[in-house]
N, C-alpha and C. Protein backbone atom coordinates (compact mmCIF):
# COMPACT_ATOMS: atom_id res chain seq x y z
N UNK A 1 6.76 -4.20 -12.26
CA UNK A 1 7.19 -5.50 -12.47
C UNK A 1 7.64 -5.80 -13.92
N UNK A 2 8.43 -6.76 -14.10
CA UNK A 2 8.88 -7.04 -15.54
C UNK A 2 7.70 -7.65 -16.37
N UNK A 3 7.70 -7.13 -17.58
CA UNK A 3 6.61 -7.61 -18.45
C UNK A 3 6.85 -9.11 -18.83
N UNK A 4 8.11 -9.57 -18.94
CA UNK A 4 8.35 -10.92 -19.33
C UNK A 4 8.39 -11.97 -18.15
N UNK A 5 7.96 -11.48 -16.93
CA UNK A 5 8.05 -12.38 -15.85
C UNK A 5 7.10 -13.43 -15.96
N UNK A 6 7.36 -14.68 -15.44
CA UNK A 6 6.50 -15.78 -15.52
C UNK A 6 5.41 -15.57 -14.51
N UNK A 7 4.40 -16.49 -14.58
CA UNK A 7 3.26 -16.29 -13.75
C UNK A 7 3.54 -16.38 -12.23
N UNK A 8 4.36 -17.39 -11.86
CA UNK A 8 4.72 -17.48 -10.47
C UNK A 8 5.58 -16.30 -9.89
N UNK A 9 6.48 -15.87 -10.80
CA UNK A 9 7.25 -14.66 -10.34
C UNK A 9 6.31 -13.52 -10.24
N UNK A 10 5.36 -13.30 -11.14
CA UNK A 10 4.41 -12.18 -11.10
C UNK A 10 3.72 -12.17 -9.82
N UNK A 11 3.24 -13.34 -9.41
CA UNK A 11 2.40 -13.51 -8.24
C UNK A 11 3.20 -13.22 -7.02
N UNK A 12 4.43 -13.71 -6.94
CA UNK A 12 5.22 -13.48 -5.86
C UNK A 12 5.68 -12.03 -5.76
N UNK A 13 5.99 -11.35 -6.85
CA UNK A 13 6.21 -9.93 -6.79
C UNK A 13 5.09 -9.10 -6.19
N UNK A 14 3.90 -9.52 -6.69
CA UNK A 14 2.58 -8.90 -6.25
C UNK A 14 2.42 -9.16 -4.66
N UNK A 15 2.70 -10.27 -4.27
CA UNK A 15 2.61 -10.61 -2.89
C UNK A 15 3.51 -9.81 -2.08
N UNK A 16 4.75 -9.53 -2.58
CA UNK A 16 5.73 -8.66 -2.02
C UNK A 16 5.18 -7.19 -1.95
N UNK A 17 4.59 -6.71 -2.95
CA UNK A 17 4.11 -5.41 -2.95
C UNK A 17 2.89 -5.28 -1.88
N UNK A 18 2.06 -6.28 -1.88
CA UNK A 18 1.00 -6.29 -0.89
C UNK A 18 1.48 -6.38 0.56
N UNK A 19 2.64 -7.11 0.73
CA UNK A 19 3.15 -7.15 2.08
C UNK A 19 3.60 -5.78 2.46
N UNK A 20 4.35 -5.15 1.63
CA UNK A 20 4.71 -3.78 1.87
C UNK A 20 3.60 -2.86 2.14
N UNK A 21 2.53 -2.93 1.43
CA UNK A 21 1.32 -2.16 1.63
C UNK A 21 0.76 -2.48 3.11
N UNK A 22 0.66 -3.76 3.43
CA UNK A 22 0.18 -4.15 4.69
C UNK A 22 1.03 -3.47 5.79
N UNK A 23 2.36 -3.47 5.69
CA UNK A 23 3.19 -2.86 6.68
C UNK A 23 2.82 -1.34 6.68
N UNK A 24 2.65 -0.75 5.51
CA UNK A 24 2.38 0.68 5.54
C UNK A 24 1.13 1.07 6.23
N UNK A 25 0.09 0.15 6.21
CA UNK A 25 -1.08 0.42 6.94
C UNK A 25 -1.04 0.19 8.34
N UNK A 26 -0.27 -0.87 8.74
CA UNK A 26 -0.31 -1.21 10.18
C UNK A 26 0.89 -0.69 10.95
N UNK A 27 1.96 -0.53 10.24
CA UNK A 27 3.28 -0.19 10.89
C UNK A 27 3.69 -1.25 12.01
N UNK A 28 3.14 -2.50 11.87
CA UNK A 28 3.44 -3.55 12.88
C UNK A 28 4.67 -4.20 12.60
N UNK A 29 5.37 -4.53 13.60
CA UNK A 29 6.66 -5.30 13.37
C UNK A 29 6.46 -6.65 12.76
N UNK A 30 5.37 -7.31 13.10
CA UNK A 30 5.09 -8.64 12.47
C UNK A 30 4.82 -8.47 10.98
N UNK A 31 4.24 -7.43 10.55
CA UNK A 31 3.99 -7.20 9.07
C UNK A 31 5.31 -6.80 8.45
N UNK A 32 6.18 -6.09 9.15
CA UNK A 32 7.59 -5.79 8.60
C UNK A 32 8.32 -7.16 8.30
N UNK A 33 8.20 -8.11 9.34
CA UNK A 33 8.96 -9.40 9.23
C UNK A 33 8.36 -10.16 8.15
N UNK A 34 7.02 -10.14 7.92
CA UNK A 34 6.43 -10.78 6.79
C UNK A 34 6.85 -10.26 5.50
N UNK A 35 6.87 -9.05 5.37
CA UNK A 35 7.34 -8.29 4.06
C UNK A 35 8.86 -8.71 3.77
N UNK A 36 9.65 -8.84 4.87
CA UNK A 36 10.99 -9.28 4.74
C UNK A 36 11.11 -10.79 4.25
N UNK A 37 10.15 -11.60 4.87
CA UNK A 37 10.13 -12.95 4.40
C UNK A 37 9.76 -13.13 2.97
N UNK A 38 8.75 -12.47 2.56
CA UNK A 38 8.33 -12.52 1.10
C UNK A 38 9.46 -12.02 0.21
N UNK A 39 10.17 -11.00 0.70
CA UNK A 39 11.31 -10.45 0.02
C UNK A 39 12.37 -11.47 -0.22
N UNK A 40 12.60 -12.25 0.90
CA UNK A 40 13.53 -13.33 0.77
C UNK A 40 13.15 -14.43 -0.21
N UNK A 41 11.86 -14.67 -0.35
CA UNK A 41 11.39 -15.67 -1.36
C UNK A 41 11.56 -15.08 -2.76
N UNK A 42 11.44 -13.83 -2.90
CA UNK A 42 11.70 -13.26 -4.24
C UNK A 42 13.09 -13.20 -4.57
N UNK A 43 14.02 -13.01 -3.63
CA UNK A 43 15.39 -13.02 -3.81
C UNK A 43 15.84 -14.39 -4.26
N UNK A 44 15.29 -15.48 -3.64
CA UNK A 44 15.61 -16.84 -3.99
C UNK A 44 15.30 -17.17 -5.41
N UNK A 45 14.33 -16.47 -6.01
CA UNK A 45 14.07 -16.61 -7.42
C UNK A 45 15.21 -16.37 -8.35
N UNK A 46 16.14 -15.60 -7.93
CA UNK A 46 17.35 -15.21 -8.70
C UNK A 46 18.27 -16.37 -8.88
N UNK A 47 18.07 -17.44 -8.10
CA UNK A 47 18.75 -18.73 -8.24
C UNK A 47 20.19 -18.71 -7.60
N UNK A 48 20.47 -17.79 -6.81
CA UNK A 48 21.85 -17.79 -6.04
C UNK A 48 21.74 -18.71 -4.97
N UNK A 49 22.42 -19.73 -5.07
CA UNK A 49 22.45 -20.88 -3.95
C UNK A 49 23.11 -20.34 -2.67
N UNK A 50 24.10 -19.45 -2.83
CA UNK A 50 24.75 -18.94 -1.59
C UNK A 50 24.06 -17.85 -1.01
N UNK A 51 22.83 -17.45 -1.43
CA UNK A 51 22.08 -16.43 -0.87
C UNK A 51 22.71 -15.06 -1.04
N UNK A 52 23.37 -14.83 -2.04
CA UNK A 52 24.14 -13.62 -2.30
C UNK A 52 23.24 -12.58 -2.81
N UNK A 53 22.20 -12.94 -3.46
CA UNK A 53 21.30 -12.04 -4.05
C UNK A 53 20.35 -11.60 -2.98
N UNK A 54 20.30 -10.33 -2.58
CA UNK A 54 19.50 -9.88 -1.46
C UNK A 54 18.84 -8.55 -1.77
N UNK A 55 18.59 -8.23 -3.02
CA UNK A 55 18.05 -7.01 -3.50
C UNK A 55 16.67 -6.62 -2.78
N UNK A 56 15.78 -7.59 -2.85
CA UNK A 56 14.50 -7.41 -2.29
C UNK A 56 14.47 -7.20 -0.78
N UNK A 57 15.29 -7.96 -0.17
CA UNK A 57 15.35 -7.85 1.35
C UNK A 57 15.98 -6.46 1.72
N UNK A 58 17.02 -6.02 1.05
CA UNK A 58 17.61 -4.75 1.27
C UNK A 58 16.61 -3.67 0.94
N UNK A 59 15.83 -3.67 -0.20
CA UNK A 59 14.88 -2.80 -0.57
C UNK A 59 13.76 -2.73 0.41
N UNK A 60 13.31 -3.85 0.89
CA UNK A 60 12.22 -3.91 1.84
C UNK A 60 12.53 -3.26 3.17
N UNK A 61 13.80 -3.52 3.57
CA UNK A 61 14.32 -2.88 4.85
C UNK A 61 14.35 -1.34 4.64
N UNK A 62 14.77 -0.91 3.49
CA UNK A 62 14.83 0.58 3.22
C UNK A 62 13.35 1.11 3.15
N UNK A 63 12.50 0.42 2.48
CA UNK A 63 11.11 0.83 2.33
C UNK A 63 10.39 0.99 3.76
N UNK A 64 10.57 -0.02 4.52
CA UNK A 64 9.94 -0.14 5.90
C UNK A 64 10.51 1.04 6.72
N UNK A 65 11.74 1.30 6.63
CA UNK A 65 12.37 2.40 7.40
C UNK A 65 11.77 3.72 6.90
N UNK A 66 11.63 3.96 5.54
CA UNK A 66 11.21 5.16 5.02
C UNK A 66 9.74 5.30 5.40
N UNK A 67 8.92 4.29 5.33
CA UNK A 67 7.46 4.33 5.72
C UNK A 67 7.34 4.69 7.17
N UNK A 68 8.17 4.18 7.92
CA UNK A 68 8.17 4.38 9.38
C UNK A 68 8.66 5.85 9.81
N UNK A 69 9.18 6.51 8.83
CA UNK A 69 9.66 7.78 9.17
C UNK A 69 11.14 7.87 9.51
N UNK A 70 11.83 6.80 9.23
CA UNK A 70 13.30 6.66 9.57
C UNK A 70 14.10 6.50 8.32
N UNK A 71 15.42 6.64 8.39
CA UNK A 71 16.22 6.44 7.29
C UNK A 71 16.45 7.63 6.48
N UNK A 72 17.42 7.56 5.69
CA UNK A 72 17.81 8.71 4.82
C UNK A 72 17.07 8.76 3.55
N UNK A 73 16.77 9.94 3.06
CA UNK A 73 16.01 10.14 1.79
C UNK A 73 14.83 9.28 1.63
N UNK A 74 13.82 9.45 2.65
CA UNK A 74 12.60 8.65 2.67
C UNK A 74 11.73 8.82 1.50
N UNK A 75 11.55 10.05 0.97
CA UNK A 75 10.62 10.29 -0.13
C UNK A 75 11.15 9.77 -1.36
N UNK A 76 12.54 9.72 -1.64
CA UNK A 76 13.10 9.04 -2.89
C UNK A 76 12.89 7.57 -2.78
N UNK A 77 13.05 6.92 -1.67
CA UNK A 77 12.93 5.49 -1.53
C UNK A 77 11.47 5.07 -1.79
N UNK A 78 10.56 5.89 -1.34
CA UNK A 78 9.05 5.55 -1.56
C UNK A 78 8.69 5.81 -3.02
N UNK A 79 9.23 6.86 -3.57
CA UNK A 79 8.95 7.22 -5.03
C UNK A 79 9.44 6.13 -5.99
N UNK A 80 10.59 5.52 -5.60
CA UNK A 80 11.13 4.49 -6.38
C UNK A 80 10.23 3.21 -6.35
N UNK A 81 9.75 2.96 -5.12
CA UNK A 81 8.77 1.78 -5.02
C UNK A 81 7.58 1.99 -5.77
N UNK A 82 7.01 3.26 -5.60
CA UNK A 82 5.77 3.51 -6.28
C UNK A 82 5.92 3.45 -7.84
N UNK A 83 7.11 3.94 -8.33
CA UNK A 83 7.30 3.83 -9.76
C UNK A 83 7.37 2.44 -10.26
N UNK A 84 7.66 1.46 -9.46
CA UNK A 84 7.71 0.09 -9.97
C UNK A 84 6.31 -0.65 -9.86
N UNK A 85 5.26 -0.04 -9.33
CA UNK A 85 4.02 -0.60 -9.12
C UNK A 85 3.18 -0.36 -10.41
N UNK A 86 2.81 -1.34 -11.16
CA UNK A 86 2.11 -1.12 -12.47
C UNK A 86 0.57 -1.14 -12.30
N UNK A 87 0.08 -1.61 -11.07
CA UNK A 87 -1.27 -1.67 -10.82
C UNK A 87 -1.82 -0.34 -10.24
N UNK A 88 -2.70 0.34 -10.86
CA UNK A 88 -2.99 1.75 -10.44
C UNK A 88 -3.74 1.75 -9.01
N UNK A 89 -4.62 0.74 -8.87
CA UNK A 89 -5.29 0.67 -7.50
C UNK A 89 -4.27 0.38 -6.38
N UNK A 90 -3.43 -0.59 -6.54
CA UNK A 90 -2.38 -0.88 -5.56
C UNK A 90 -1.57 0.34 -5.37
N UNK A 91 -1.09 1.08 -6.36
CA UNK A 91 -0.32 2.19 -6.24
C UNK A 91 -1.01 3.33 -5.37
N UNK A 92 -2.30 3.51 -5.71
CA UNK A 92 -3.12 4.57 -4.95
C UNK A 92 -3.25 4.00 -3.50
N UNK A 93 -3.39 2.75 -3.28
CA UNK A 93 -3.56 2.29 -1.87
C UNK A 93 -2.18 2.55 -1.09
N UNK A 94 -1.12 2.24 -1.71
CA UNK A 94 0.12 2.42 -1.00
C UNK A 94 0.38 3.95 -0.81
N UNK A 95 0.02 4.78 -1.75
CA UNK A 95 0.12 6.26 -1.55
C UNK A 95 -0.66 6.69 -0.36
N UNK A 96 -1.94 6.18 -0.24
CA UNK A 96 -2.79 6.56 0.75
C UNK A 96 -2.27 6.01 2.17
N UNK A 97 -1.83 4.88 2.22
CA UNK A 97 -1.37 4.25 3.43
C UNK A 97 -0.15 5.09 3.85
N UNK A 98 0.74 5.35 3.07
CA UNK A 98 1.90 6.20 3.52
C UNK A 98 1.58 7.54 3.84
N UNK A 99 0.65 8.13 3.25
CA UNK A 99 0.24 9.58 3.59
C UNK A 99 -0.76 9.61 4.75
N UNK A 100 -1.16 8.59 5.31
CA UNK A 100 -2.22 8.71 6.26
C UNK A 100 -1.85 9.58 7.44
N UNK A 101 -0.63 9.68 7.79
CA UNK A 101 -0.13 10.57 8.84
C UNK A 101 -0.01 11.97 8.38
N UNK A 102 -0.03 12.23 7.19
CA UNK A 102 0.24 13.55 6.59
C UNK A 102 -1.05 14.10 5.91
N UNK A 103 -2.23 13.83 6.45
CA UNK A 103 -3.36 14.16 5.80
C UNK A 103 -3.69 15.71 5.74
N UNK A 104 -3.13 16.38 6.74
CA UNK A 104 -3.20 17.84 6.77
C UNK A 104 -2.49 18.53 5.66
N UNK A 105 -1.40 17.81 5.17
CA UNK A 105 -0.65 18.42 4.03
C UNK A 105 -1.15 17.95 2.67
N UNK A 106 -2.13 17.06 2.55
CA UNK A 106 -2.63 16.66 1.31
C UNK A 106 -3.97 17.18 1.15
N UNK A 107 -4.33 17.28 -0.15
CA UNK A 107 -5.70 17.66 -0.62
C UNK A 107 -6.41 16.37 -0.87
N UNK A 108 -7.63 16.41 -0.62
CA UNK A 108 -8.37 15.04 -0.91
C UNK A 108 -8.39 14.84 -2.30
N UNK A 109 -8.52 13.51 -2.69
CA UNK A 109 -8.60 13.15 -4.22
C UNK A 109 -9.85 13.82 -4.79
N UNK A 110 -9.86 14.02 -6.08
CA UNK A 110 -10.85 14.63 -6.71
C UNK A 110 -12.24 13.98 -6.48
N UNK A 111 -12.38 12.65 -6.42
CA UNK A 111 -13.57 12.04 -6.20
C UNK A 111 -14.29 12.32 -4.79
N UNK A 112 -13.27 12.38 -3.75
CA UNK A 112 -13.79 12.84 -2.42
C UNK A 112 -14.18 14.19 -2.35
N UNK A 113 -13.33 15.07 -3.03
CA UNK A 113 -13.67 16.51 -2.94
C UNK A 113 -15.00 16.96 -3.64
N UNK A 114 -15.40 16.15 -4.60
CA UNK A 114 -16.59 16.56 -5.38
C UNK A 114 -17.87 15.90 -4.94
N UNK A 115 -17.79 15.21 -3.86
CA UNK A 115 -19.05 14.55 -3.30
C UNK A 115 -19.95 15.59 -2.75
N UNK A 116 -21.28 15.35 -2.99
CA UNK A 116 -22.28 16.29 -2.53
C UNK A 116 -22.66 15.81 -1.18
N UNK A 117 -22.71 16.75 -0.20
CA UNK A 117 -23.16 16.50 1.16
C UNK A 117 -24.63 16.24 1.13
N UNK A 118 -25.18 15.34 2.02
CA UNK A 118 -26.57 15.22 1.95
C UNK A 118 -27.21 16.35 2.66
N UNK A 119 -28.34 16.76 2.03
CA UNK A 119 -29.12 17.88 2.53
C UNK A 119 -30.00 17.59 3.58
N UNK A 120 -30.77 18.59 4.22
CA UNK A 120 -31.60 18.19 5.27
C UNK A 120 -32.88 17.54 4.87
N UNK A 121 -33.14 17.44 3.50
CA UNK A 121 -34.28 16.71 3.01
C UNK A 121 -33.95 15.19 2.65
N UNK A 122 -32.90 14.74 3.32
CA UNK A 122 -32.53 13.37 3.01
C UNK A 122 -33.66 12.34 3.21
N UNK A 123 -34.35 12.53 4.24
CA UNK A 123 -35.47 11.57 4.72
C UNK A 123 -36.80 11.90 4.24
N UNK A 124 -36.89 13.00 3.33
CA UNK A 124 -38.17 13.45 2.89
C UNK A 124 -38.76 12.30 2.07
N UNK A 125 -40.04 11.95 2.27
CA UNK A 125 -40.77 11.09 1.33
C UNK A 125 -40.78 9.64 2.01
N UNK A 126 -39.97 9.46 3.08
CA UNK A 126 -40.01 8.19 3.71
C UNK A 126 -41.02 8.25 4.97
N UNK A 127 -41.67 7.15 5.28
CA UNK A 127 -42.62 7.34 6.44
C UNK A 127 -41.90 7.41 7.72
N UNK A 128 -42.34 8.11 8.62
CA UNK A 128 -41.73 8.26 9.94
C UNK A 128 -41.85 6.94 10.73
N UNK A 129 -40.92 6.74 11.70
CA UNK A 129 -41.07 5.59 12.55
C UNK A 129 -42.27 5.59 13.29
N UNK A 130 -42.87 6.65 13.67
CA UNK A 130 -44.10 6.71 14.46
C UNK A 130 -45.22 6.14 13.65
N UNK A 131 -45.18 6.39 12.35
CA UNK A 131 -46.34 6.13 11.56
C UNK A 131 -46.31 4.55 11.24
N UNK A 132 -45.14 3.84 11.39
CA UNK A 132 -45.07 2.38 11.13
C UNK A 132 -45.26 1.65 12.36
N UNK A 133 -45.28 2.24 13.53
CA UNK A 133 -45.54 1.59 14.76
C UNK A 133 -44.21 1.11 15.42
N UNK A 134 -43.04 1.46 14.94
CA UNK A 134 -41.82 1.01 15.51
C UNK A 134 -41.32 1.83 16.60
């Protein structure tokens, strides 16, 4: 997002990014239409009365097609979108949502890979259910 964007513009751009994320998670046509609707609102911020400015609607259509596995140069379209996201948590969420069908090709994030599996002594030291009468 632009650093000099006003507060309403920033909120609307974030809403657009979240709408694209929601579509990436659900792949539902209603969520695609919602993302396109929010994109239309962002386009109207450009001030073009004749509705000539349609960058966000066009970008959203390309993104939704790429996320769905359709369209040309899917990876480049997604990479451009990810490069525009300045919130690290949102960027990771979008990456995870897009990659959910490609989990066999991805290595787990470092936090998940380093988790310790619970050992067999997990319940040691706690009273058994028989002892409490349950």
